[in-house]
Amino acid sequence: MAEASVFRNAIGFMEKIGVYDIVLPFLLIFTIIFAILEKTKILGIEKVGDQELTKKNINSIVAFCTSFLVIASTQLVSVINEVIANVVL
């Protein structure tokens, strides 16, 4: 029984520090935006030797800023949390 309470306390601690309201939605939006930018190559490519690579630094900054703008809106975060809960079910 002690293990269940430790796990419950860990989940409660993560909820108190905002993991579910800030960190996880941020990571989700960042990952989706970064993947879209990498796949579409909309911000350009650079040649390194014989290879054409995407501009990962620009893609990551755009995804990072976009994620922060989404997280700044509490309404969007609540919609994301609701949608994720419904998708899981």
N, C-alpha and C. Protein backbone atom coordinates (compact mmCIF):
# COMPACT_ATOMS: atom_id res chain seq x y z
N MET A 1 0.80 -1.20 0.00
CA MET A 1 0.00 0.00 0.00
C MET A 1 0.85 1.27 0.00
N ALA A 2 2.05 1.18 0.56
CA ALA A 2 2.91 2.36 0.62
C ALA A 2 3.31 2.81 -0.78
N GLU A 3 3.46 1.86 -1.72
CA GLU A 3 3.86 2.21 -3.07
C GLU A 3 2.79 3.05 -3.78
N ALA A 4 1.52 2.70 -3.56
CA ALA A 4 0.45 3.44 -4.21
C ALA A 4 0.40 4.87 -3.70
N SER A 5 0.63 5.07 -2.42
CA SER A 5 0.58 6.44 -1.89
C SER A 5 1.79 7.25 -2.37
N VAL A 6 2.94 6.61 -2.54
CA VAL A 6 4.10 7.32 -3.08
C VAL A 6 3.82 7.76 -4.51
N PHE A 7 3.23 6.87 -5.30
CA PHE A 7 2.89 7.21 -6.68
C PHE A 7 1.85 8.32 -6.71
N ARG A 8 0.85 8.24 -5.85
CA ARG A 8 -0.19 9.27 -5.78
C ARG A 8 0.43 10.61 -5.37
N ASN A 9 1.36 10.58 -4.43
CA ASN A 9 2.03 11.81 -4.02
C ASN A 9 2.87 12.40 -5.15
N ALA A 10 3.51 11.55 -5.93
CA ALA A 10 4.31 12.03 -7.06
C ALA A 10 3.41 12.69 -8.11
N ILE A 11 2.27 12.07 -8.39
CA ILE A 11 1.33 12.65 -9.36
C ILE A 11 0.80 13.98 -8.84
N GLY A 12 0.46 14.03 -7.55
CA GLY A 12 -0.02 15.28 -6.95
C GLY A 12 1.02 16.37 -6.99
N PHE A 13 2.29 16.01 -6.74
CA PHE A 13 3.37 16.99 -6.79
C PHE A 13 3.53 17.54 -8.20
N MET A 14 3.48 16.66 -9.21
CA MET A 14 3.61 17.14 -10.60
C MET A 14 2.46 18.06 -10.96
N GLU A 15 1.26 17.77 -10.44
CA GLU A 15 0.12 18.63 -10.72
C GLU A 15 0.30 20.00 -10.06
N LYS A 16 0.85 20.01 -8.86
CA LYS A 16 1.06 21.28 -8.15
C LYS A 16 2.06 22.18 -8.86
N ILE A 17 3.11 21.60 -9.42
CA ILE A 17 4.12 22.44 -10.06
C ILE A 17 3.77 22.78 -11.50
N GLY A 18 2.66 22.25 -12.02
CA GLY A 18 2.18 22.67 -13.33
C GLY A 18 2.63 21.82 -14.50
N VAL A 19 3.00 20.59 -14.25
CA VAL A 19 3.45 19.73 -15.35
C VAL A 19 2.33 19.50 -16.35
N TYR A 20 1.12 19.29 -15.86
CA TYR A 20 0.00 18.97 -16.75
C TYR A 20 -0.56 20.20 -17.45
N ASP A 21 -0.43 21.35 -16.84
CA ASP A 21 -1.00 22.56 -17.42
C ASP A 21 0.00 23.35 -18.27
N ILE A 22 1.28 23.14 -18.06
CA ILE A 22 2.28 23.95 -18.76
C ILE A 22 3.26 23.09 -19.56
N VAL A 23 3.92 22.18 -18.89
CA VAL A 23 5.03 21.45 -19.51
C VAL A 23 4.55 20.51 -20.61
N LEU A 24 3.59 19.66 -20.31
CA LEU A 24 3.14 18.68 -21.32
C LEU A 24 2.48 19.33 -22.54
N PRO A 25 1.57 20.31 -22.37
CA PRO A 25 1.05 20.98 -23.57
C PRO A 25 2.14 21.70 -24.36
N PHE A 26 3.12 22.30 -23.67
CA PHE A 26 4.23 22.96 -24.35
C PHE A 26 5.00 21.96 -25.20
N LEU A 27 5.35 20.82 -24.62
CA LEU A 27 6.10 19.81 -25.36
C LEU A 27 5.30 19.26 -26.54
N LEU A 28 4.01 19.08 -26.35
CA LEU A 28 3.16 18.57 -27.43
C LEU A 28 3.13 19.56 -28.60
N ILE A 29 2.86 20.81 -28.32
CA ILE A 29 2.78 21.82 -29.38
C ILE A 29 4.14 22.01 -30.04
N PHE A 30 5.21 22.06 -29.24
CA PHE A 30 6.55 22.21 -29.79
C PHE A 30 6.88 21.06 -30.75
N THR A 31 6.58 19.85 -30.33
CA THR A 31 6.89 18.68 -31.17
C THR A 31 6.10 18.69 -32.47
N ILE A 32 4.83 19.01 -32.39
CA ILE A 32 4.00 19.02 -33.60
C ILE A 32 4.45 20.11 -34.57
N ILE A 33 4.67 21.33 -34.06
CA ILE A 33 5.10 22.43 -34.92
C ILE A 33 6.47 22.15 -35.52
N PHE A 34 7.40 21.65 -34.70
CA PHE A 34 8.75 21.35 -35.20
C PHE A 34 8.70 20.28 -36.28
N ALA A 35 7.89 19.24 -36.07
CA ALA A 35 7.78 18.17 -37.06
C ALA A 35 7.19 18.69 -38.37
N ILE A 36 6.20 19.55 -38.28
CA ILE A 36 5.60 20.12 -39.50
C ILE A 36 6.62 20.97 -40.24
N LEU A 37 7.37 21.78 -39.51
CA LEU A 37 8.37 22.63 -40.16
C LEU A 37 9.49 21.81 -40.78
N GLU A 38 9.90 20.74 -40.12
CA GLU A 38 10.94 19.88 -40.66
C GLU A 38 10.46 19.15 -41.92
N LYS A 39 9.24 18.67 -41.89
CA LYS A 39 8.72 17.90 -43.01
C LYS A 39 8.46 18.78 -44.23
N THR A 40 7.90 19.97 -44.02
CA THR A 40 7.55 20.82 -45.15
C THR A 40 8.74 21.61 -45.69
N LYS A 41 9.76 21.79 -44.87
CA LYS A 41 10.96 22.57 -45.24
C LYS A 41 10.58 23.98 -45.67
N ILE A 42 9.58 24.53 -45.01
CA ILE A 42 9.04 25.83 -45.40
C ILE A 42 10.01 26.97 -45.11
N LEU A 43 10.89 26.81 -44.12
CA LEU A 43 11.83 27.87 -43.78
C LEU A 43 13.17 27.71 -44.47
N GLY A 44 13.25 26.78 -45.40
CA GLY A 44 14.45 26.65 -46.20
C GLY A 44 15.32 25.47 -45.84
N ILE A 45 16.31 25.27 -46.71
CA ILE A 45 17.27 24.19 -46.51
C ILE A 45 18.67 24.76 -46.70
N GLU A 46 19.64 24.01 -46.20
CA GLU A 46 21.04 24.41 -46.40
C GLU A 46 21.82 23.20 -46.89
N LYS A 47 22.80 23.47 -47.73
CA LYS A 47 23.62 22.38 -48.28
C LYS A 47 24.84 22.17 -47.40
N VAL A 48 25.03 20.91 -47.01
CA VAL A 48 26.21 20.52 -46.25
C VAL A 48 26.83 19.37 -47.04
N GLY A 49 27.88 19.68 -47.76
CA GLY A 49 28.48 18.68 -48.63
C GLY A 49 27.52 18.33 -49.75
N ASP A 50 27.17 17.05 -49.84
CA ASP A 50 26.22 16.59 -50.86
C ASP A 50 24.78 16.56 -50.35
N GLN A 51 24.59 16.79 -49.07
CA GLN A 51 23.26 16.65 -48.47
C GLN A 51 22.55 18.00 -48.35
N GLU A 52 21.23 17.94 -48.46
CA GLU A 52 20.40 19.11 -48.21
C GLU A 52 19.70 18.88 -46.87
N LEU A 53 20.00 19.71 -45.90
CA LEU A 53 19.43 19.58 -44.56
C LEU A 53 18.52 20.77 -44.27
N THR A 54 17.53 20.52 -43.43
CA THR A 54 16.64 21.61 -43.03
C THR A 54 17.36 22.51 -42.04
N LYS A 55 16.87 23.71 -41.91
CA LYS A 55 17.45 24.66 -40.96
C LYS A 55 16.84 24.40 -39.59
N LYS A 56 17.42 23.46 -38.87
CA LYS A 56 16.87 23.02 -37.59
C LYS A 56 16.85 24.13 -36.55
N ASN A 57 17.86 25.00 -36.56
CA ASN A 57 17.89 26.07 -35.57
C ASN A 57 16.73 27.04 -35.75
N ILE A 58 16.41 27.40 -36.98
CA ILE A 58 15.29 28.29 -37.24
C ILE A 58 13.98 27.59 -36.94
N ASN A 59 13.87 26.33 -37.36
CA ASN A 59 12.65 25.57 -37.09
C ASN A 59 12.40 25.44 -35.58
N SER A 60 13.45 25.20 -34.82
CA SER A 60 13.27 25.03 -33.38
C SER A 60 12.88 26.34 -32.71
N ILE A 61 13.44 27.45 -33.14
CA ILE A 61 13.08 28.75 -32.55
C ILE A 61 11.63 29.11 -32.87
N VAL A 62 11.20 28.88 -34.10
CA VAL A 62 9.81 29.17 -34.47
C VAL A 62 8.86 28.28 -33.68
N ALA A 63 9.18 27.00 -33.55
CA ALA A 63 8.34 26.09 -32.79
C ALA A 63 8.32 26.47 -31.31
N PHE A 64 9.46 26.90 -30.78
CA PHE A 64 9.56 27.30 -29.37
C PHE A 64 8.70 28.53 -29.11
N CYS A 65 8.80 29.52 -29.95
CA CYS A 65 8.01 30.75 -29.78
C CYS A 65 6.51 30.49 -29.93
N THR A 66 6.16 29.69 -30.91
CA THR A 66 4.76 29.35 -31.12
C THR A 66 4.20 28.60 -29.91
N SER A 67 4.99 27.70 -29.36
CA SER A 67 4.56 26.95 -28.19
C SER A 67 4.34 27.87 -27.00
N PHE A 68 5.23 28.83 -26.81
CA PHE A 68 5.04 29.78 -25.72
C PHE A 68 3.79 30.62 -25.91
N LEU A 69 3.50 31.03 -27.13
CA LEU A 69 2.29 31.80 -27.39
C LEU A 69 1.03 30.97 -27.10
N VAL A 70 1.07 29.70 -27.42
CA VAL A 70 -0.07 28.83 -27.14
C VAL A 70 -0.24 28.65 -25.63
N ILE A 71 0.85 28.41 -24.93
CA ILE A 71 0.79 28.20 -23.49
C ILE A 71 0.35 29.46 -22.76
N ALA A 72 0.63 30.62 -23.31
CA ALA A 72 0.22 31.89 -22.69
C ALA A 72 -1.30 32.04 -22.66
N SER A 73 -1.99 31.37 -23.55
CA SER A 73 -3.45 31.42 -23.59
C SER A 73 -4.02 30.25 -22.78
N THR A 74 -4.61 30.56 -21.65
CA THR A 74 -5.16 29.50 -20.79
C THR A 74 -6.34 28.80 -21.46
N GLN A 75 -7.07 29.52 -22.32
CA GLN A 75 -8.19 28.89 -23.02
C GLN A 75 -7.70 27.81 -23.97
N LEU A 76 -6.61 28.09 -24.70
CA LEU A 76 -6.07 27.09 -25.61
C LEU A 76 -5.54 25.87 -24.85
N VAL A 77 -4.91 26.10 -23.71
CA VAL A 77 -4.40 25.00 -22.91
C VAL A 77 -5.54 24.13 -22.40
N SER A 78 -6.62 24.73 -21.98
CA SER A 78 -7.76 23.94 -21.51
C SER A 78 -8.39 23.15 -22.65
N VAL A 79 -8.44 23.72 -23.85
CA VAL A 79 -8.94 22.99 -25.01
C VAL A 79 -8.03 21.82 -25.34
N ILE A 80 -6.73 22.04 -25.30
CA ILE A 80 -5.76 20.96 -25.56
C ILE A 80 -5.93 19.83 -24.55
N ASN A 81 -6.05 20.18 -23.27
CA ASN A 81 -6.23 19.16 -22.24
C ASN A 81 -7.52 18.38 -22.44
N GLU A 82 -8.59 19.06 -22.83
CA GLU A 82 -9.86 18.38 -23.08
C GLU A 82 -9.77 17.44 -24.27
N VAL A 83 -9.17 17.92 -25.34
CA VAL A 83 -9.04 17.11 -26.55
C VAL A 83 -8.18 15.87 -26.29
N ILE A 84 -7.09 16.04 -25.57
CA ILE A 84 -6.22 14.91 -25.26
C ILE A 84 -6.96 13.89 -24.41
N ALA A 85 -7.73 14.36 -23.44
CA ALA A 85 -8.50 13.44 -22.59
C ALA A 85 -9.51 12.66 -23.41
N ASN A 86 -10.17 13.32 -24.34
CA ASN A 86 -11.15 12.63 -25.18
C ASN A 86 -10.50 11.68 -26.16
N VAL A 87 -9.34 12.03 -26.68
CA VAL A 87 -8.65 11.15 -27.62
C VAL A 87 -8.19 9.89 -26.91
N VAL A 88 -7.73 10.01 -25.69
CA VAL A 88 -7.28 8.85 -24.94
C VAL A 88 -8.42 7.89 -24.70
N LEU A 89 -9.59 8.43 -24.39
CA LEU A 89 -10.76 7.57 -24.17
C LEU A 89 -11.20 6.94 -25.47
